[in-house]
Amino acid sequence: MTATTEAKATNIVWHDGSFTRKEREDILGRKGFTLWFTGLSASGKSTLATALEQHLVAHGVSAYRLDGDNIRFGLNKNLGFSDQDRTENIRRISEVAKLFADSTTIAITSFISPFKADRAVARELHNAAGIPFIEVFADVPIEVAEQRDPKGLYKKAREGVIKDFTGISSPYEAPEAPELHIRTDLMSVEEGVRNIVAYLEKRELLTLSKGLKRESDGKSDVASKTVKA
């Protein structure tokens, strides 16, 4: 399959809704935006994204995580891992994330998204719509990612069983100027979540009340985890 952004549908007209995004935000009392997590397989991006979603929802914030593997079970199940299919994979999820953000939900995406050009397209799509786009680089040396290898993918890639594997037989182009750069081998999940929330509050995209909205047995809503995926 060859990825394309060329529109094939004809005789279609955009239908505006009853509310502008600003009106929707004022009525619902929240802002939508996209947090785009990128990084190698086993970089910790999915673990960090999941913990962040848990933390936000526990505070009553509307947030939803779109995970790379999960999306390939449905929306993108007809895409493989060639360069063309990877580009189409990111294009589709960029559009979906923009829709979530437009509805005033915080879209949290967790995709390897290895190519700078594809991530630039995702950013430009949001910029054109006036929707904040925050790139979060879950950074880890490939040696550490291979040591973790929770799915056994690096081993299979080294053995030649998996073709077009990012970091081994397919390139990963690291972000040059992400809004957030988190070394997941040097920082705990909890510290990563705190850093992200602090950044969002500084930009006035998010305001969380002091203390946790929901606790059980005195434990934080962000459980202590080992970064794996």
Protein backbone atom coordinates (compact mmCIF):
# COMPACT_ATOMS: atom_id res chain seq x y z
CA MET A 1 0.00 0.00 0.00
CA THR A 2 1.27 3.47 -0.89
CA ALA A 3 0.48 6.29 1.54
CA THR A 4 -0.99 9.44 0.07
CA THR A 5 -2.46 12.70 1.30
CA GLU A 6 -4.24 13.31 -1.98
CA ALA A 7 -7.99 13.70 -1.49
CA LYS A 8 -10.03 11.22 -3.52
CA ALA A 9 -13.52 12.12 -2.29
CA THR A 10 -15.56 14.48 -4.47
CA ASN A 11 -18.73 16.50 -3.98
CA ILE A 12 -18.07 17.04 -0.27
CA VAL A 13 -18.54 20.26 1.72
CA TRP A 14 -17.18 21.06 5.19
CA HIS A 15 -20.04 21.46 7.69
CA ASP A 16 -19.24 23.75 10.62
CA GLY A 17 -20.68 22.92 14.03
CA SER A 18 -22.84 25.10 16.25
CA PHE A 19 -19.93 26.19 18.46
CA THR A 20 -16.51 27.60 17.79
CA ARG A 21 -13.66 25.89 19.62
CA LYS A 22 -13.36 28.90 21.94
CA GLU A 23 -17.06 28.74 22.79
CA ARG A 24 -16.80 25.02 23.46
CA GLU A 25 -13.77 25.58 25.71
CA ASP A 26 -15.58 28.33 27.64
CA ILE A 27 -18.70 26.21 28.12
CA LEU A 28 -16.84 23.05 29.18
CA GLY A 29 -14.16 24.91 31.11
CA ARG A 30 -11.17 23.17 29.59
CA LYS A 31 -8.75 23.30 26.66
CA GLY A 32 -7.95 20.58 24.18
CA PHE A 33 -4.49 19.94 22.81
CA THR A 34 -2.25 17.10 21.69
CA LEU A 35 0.71 15.61 23.56
CA TRP A 36 2.74 13.68 21.00
CA PHE A 37 5.04 11.08 22.59
CA THR A 38 7.79 9.82 20.31
CA GLY A 39 10.74 7.54 20.92
CA LEU A 40 12.26 4.15 20.19
CA SER A 41 10.46 0.92 20.97
CA ALA A 42 10.94 0.28 24.72
CA SER A 43 11.85 3.94 25.28
CA GLY A 44 9.20 4.26 27.98
CA LYS A 45 6.83 6.48 25.99
CA SER A 46 3.76 4.25 26.40
CA THR A 47 4.36 3.74 30.13
CA LEU A 48 4.79 7.48 30.61
CA ALA A 49 1.74 8.30 28.46
CA THR A 50 -0.39 5.79 30.36
CA ALA A 51 0.69 7.19 33.73
CA LEU A 52 -0.04 10.73 32.56
CA GLU A 53 -3.51 9.76 31.35
CA GLN A 54 -4.19 8.08 34.69
CA HIS A 55 -3.02 11.16 36.59
CA LEU A 56 -5.12 13.57 34.53
CA VAL A 57 -8.31 11.52 34.58
CA ALA A 58 -7.96 11.04 38.35
CA HIS A 59 -8.08 14.83 38.58
CA GLY A 60 -11.25 14.96 36.50
CA VAL A 61 -9.47 16.10 33.34
CA SER A 62 -10.75 14.80 30.02
CA ALA A 63 -7.79 12.95 28.47
CA TYR A 64 -7.52 9.97 26.15
CA ARG A 65 -4.48 7.95 25.11
CA LEU A 66 -4.02 6.77 21.53
CA ASP A 67 -1.40 4.01 21.53
CA GLY A 68 0.53 2.89 18.46
CA ASP A 69 -0.08 -0.84 18.81
CA ASN A 70 -3.73 -0.37 19.82
CA ILE A 71 -4.49 1.78 16.78
CA ARG A 72 -3.11 -0.93 14.50
CA PHE A 73 -5.75 -3.35 15.79
CA GLY A 74 -8.48 -1.19 14.27
CA LEU A 75 -8.14 2.10 12.41
CA ASN A 76 -4.74 1.28 10.93
CA LYS A 77 -4.91 -2.51 10.73
CA ASN A 78 -4.37 -2.36 6.97
CA LEU A 79 -0.96 -0.69 7.37
CA GLY A 80 2.40 -2.40 7.69
CA PHE A 81 5.80 -0.99 8.64
CA SER A 82 7.22 0.15 5.32
CA ASP A 83 8.26 3.80 5.17
CA GLN A 84 5.12 4.61 3.18
CA ASP A 85 2.82 2.84 5.62
CA ARG A 86 4.52 4.46 8.61
CA THR A 87 3.87 7.86 7.03
CA GLU A 88 0.20 7.04 6.45
CA ASN A 89 -0.07 5.66 9.99
CA ILE A 90 1.10 8.99 11.43
CA ARG A 91 -1.05 11.04 9.06
CA ARG A 92 -4.19 9.22 10.18
CA ILE A 93 -3.45 9.45 13.88
CA SER A 94 -2.59 13.14 13.48
CA GLU A 95 -6.08 13.74 12.12
CA VAL A 96 -7.68 11.70 14.91
CA ALA A 97 -5.68 13.47 17.62
CA LYS A 98 -6.70 16.82 16.16
CA LEU A 99 -10.38 15.82 16.39
CA PHE A 100 -9.99 14.80 20.04
CA ALA A 101 -8.22 18.06 20.84
CA ASP A 102 -10.82 20.07 18.95
CA SER A 103 -13.48 18.54 21.20
CA THR A 104 -11.53 19.92 24.24
CA THR A 105 -10.11 16.51 25.16
CA ILE A 106 -6.38 16.16 25.78
CA ALA A 107 -5.13 13.74 23.13
CA ILE A 108 -2.14 11.72 24.30
CA THR A 109 -0.50 9.86 21.43
CA SER A 110 2.23 7.26 21.88
CA PHE A 111 3.84 6.37 18.56
CA ILE A 112 7.43 5.68 17.56
CA SER A 113 6.81 8.12 14.66
CA PRO A 114 10.44 7.80 13.54
CA PHE A 115 10.54 10.39 10.75
CA LYS A 116 10.94 14.13 11.36
CA ALA A 117 8.94 14.98 8.26
CA ASP A 118 5.92 13.01 9.46
CA ARG A 119 6.00 14.61 12.90
CA ALA A 120 6.29 18.02 11.20
CA VAL A 121 3.14 17.25 9.24
CA ALA A 122 1.34 16.36 12.47
CA ARG A 123 2.47 19.62 14.05
CA GLU A 124 1.50 21.72 11.03
CA LEU A 125 -1.94 20.10 10.94
CA HIS A 126 -2.52 21.26 14.52
CA ASN A 127 -0.92 24.66 13.97
CA ALA A 128 -3.19 25.33 11.00
CA ALA A 129 -6.20 24.58 13.20
CA GLY A 130 -4.90 26.71 16.09
CA ILE A 131 -4.55 23.67 18.36
CA PRO A 132 -1.49 23.38 20.66
CA PHE A 133 0.85 20.53 19.77
CA ILE A 134 3.42 19.42 22.34
CA GLU A 135 6.11 16.98 21.28
CA VAL A 136 7.44 14.78 24.10
CA PHE A 137 10.66 12.95 23.30
CA ALA A 138 10.96 9.82 25.44
CA ASP A 139 14.70 9.43 25.04
CA VAL A 140 16.80 6.42 25.95
CA PRO A 141 20.03 4.99 24.52
CA ILE A 142 19.28 2.14 22.13
CA GLU A 143 21.47 -0.12 24.28
CA VAL A 144 19.08 0.41 27.19
CA ALA A 145 16.03 -0.12 24.97
CA GLU A 146 17.51 -3.43 23.81
CA GLN A 147 18.20 -4.48 27.39
CA ARG A 148 14.56 -3.82 28.28
CA ASP A 149 13.06 -5.34 25.11
CA PRO A 150 9.80 -6.37 26.86
CA LYS A 151 8.26 -7.68 23.63
CA GLY A 152 11.39 -9.40 22.36
CA LEU A 153 11.31 -7.24 19.24
CA TYR A 154 14.95 -6.14 19.22
CA LYS A 155 16.08 -9.76 19.49
CA LYS A 156 13.92 -10.71 16.52
CA ALA A 157 15.14 -7.70 14.56
CA ARG A 158 18.79 -8.63 15.21
CA GLU A 159 18.02 -12.15 14.02
CA GLY A 160 16.43 -10.81 10.85
CA VAL A 161 12.97 -12.11 11.76
CA ILE A 162 11.50 -8.58 11.84
CA LYS A 163 12.24 -6.34 8.88
CA ASP A 164 12.10 -2.52 8.88
CA PHE A 165 12.56 -2.31 12.66
CA THR A 166 13.24 1.19 13.96
CA GLY A 167 16.71 1.64 15.39
CA ILE A 168 18.05 -1.55 13.80
CA SER A 169 17.11 -1.84 10.12
CA SER A 170 15.07 1.36 9.83
CA PRO A 171 16.18 4.80 11.05
CA TYR A 172 14.85 6.83 13.97
CA GLU A 173 15.22 10.57 13.47
CA ALA A 174 15.32 12.10 16.93
CA PRO A 175 13.49 15.41 17.52
CA GLU A 176 15.76 18.44 17.39
CA ALA A 177 13.62 20.80 19.44
CA PRO A 178 10.86 18.94 21.31
CA GLU A 179 8.85 20.87 23.86
CA LEU A 180 9.74 18.20 26.41
CA HIS A 181 12.82 15.95 26.42
CA ILE A 182 12.61 13.18 29.02
CA ARG A 183 15.43 10.70 29.60
CA THR A 184 13.40 7.76 30.82
CA ASP A 185 16.50 5.87 31.95
CA LEU A 186 17.44 8.71 34.29
CA MET A 187 13.99 9.75 35.51
CA SER A 188 11.19 7.84 37.20
CA VAL A 189 7.71 7.69 35.70
CA GLU A 190 6.39 9.89 38.51
CA GLU A 191 9.08 12.52 37.87
CA GLY A 192 8.28 12.45 34.17
CA VAL A 193 4.57 13.01 34.80
CA ARG A 194 5.32 15.88 37.19
CA ASN A 195 7.57 17.53 34.61
CA ILE A 196 4.90 17.27 31.91
CA VAL A 197 2.17 18.64 34.17
CA ALA A 198 4.42 21.51 35.30
CA TYR A 199 5.10 22.42 31.67
CA LEU A 200 1.39 22.36 30.79
CA GLU A 201 0.51 24.52 33.79
CA LYS A 202 3.26 26.98 32.90
CA ARG A 203 1.76 27.33 29.44
CA GLU A 204 -1.68 27.73 31.03
CA LEU A 205 -3.04 24.76 29.14
CA LEU A 206 -3.87 22.94 32.34
CA THR A 207 -4.64 23.74 35.97
CA LEU A 208 -4.76 20.95 38.52
CA SER A 209 -5.96 21.58 42.06
CA LYS A 210 -3.45 20.93 44.82
CA GLY A 211 -3.51 17.39 46.12
CA LEU A 212 -4.91 14.38 44.32
CA LYS A 213 -8.56 14.18 43.39
CA ARG A 214 -8.69 10.49 44.15
CA GLU A 215 -6.53 8.46 46.49
CA SER A 216 -6.73 5.04 48.02
CA ASP A 217 -4.80 3.87 51.08
CA GLY A 218 -2.72 7.04 50.89
CA LYS A 219 -1.20 6.01 47.56
CA SER A 220 -0.72 8.38 44.65
CA ASP A 221 -2.90 8.03 41.57
CA VAL A 222 0.32 7.47 39.62
CA ALA A 223 1.60 4.08 40.64
CA SER A 224 5.29 3.29 40.82
CA LYS A 225 6.19 1.42 37.66
CA THR A 226 9.20 0.17 35.81
CA VAL A 227 9.53 1.86 32.45
CA LYS A 228 9.20 -0.83 29.82
CA ALA A 229 7.45 0.32 26.67
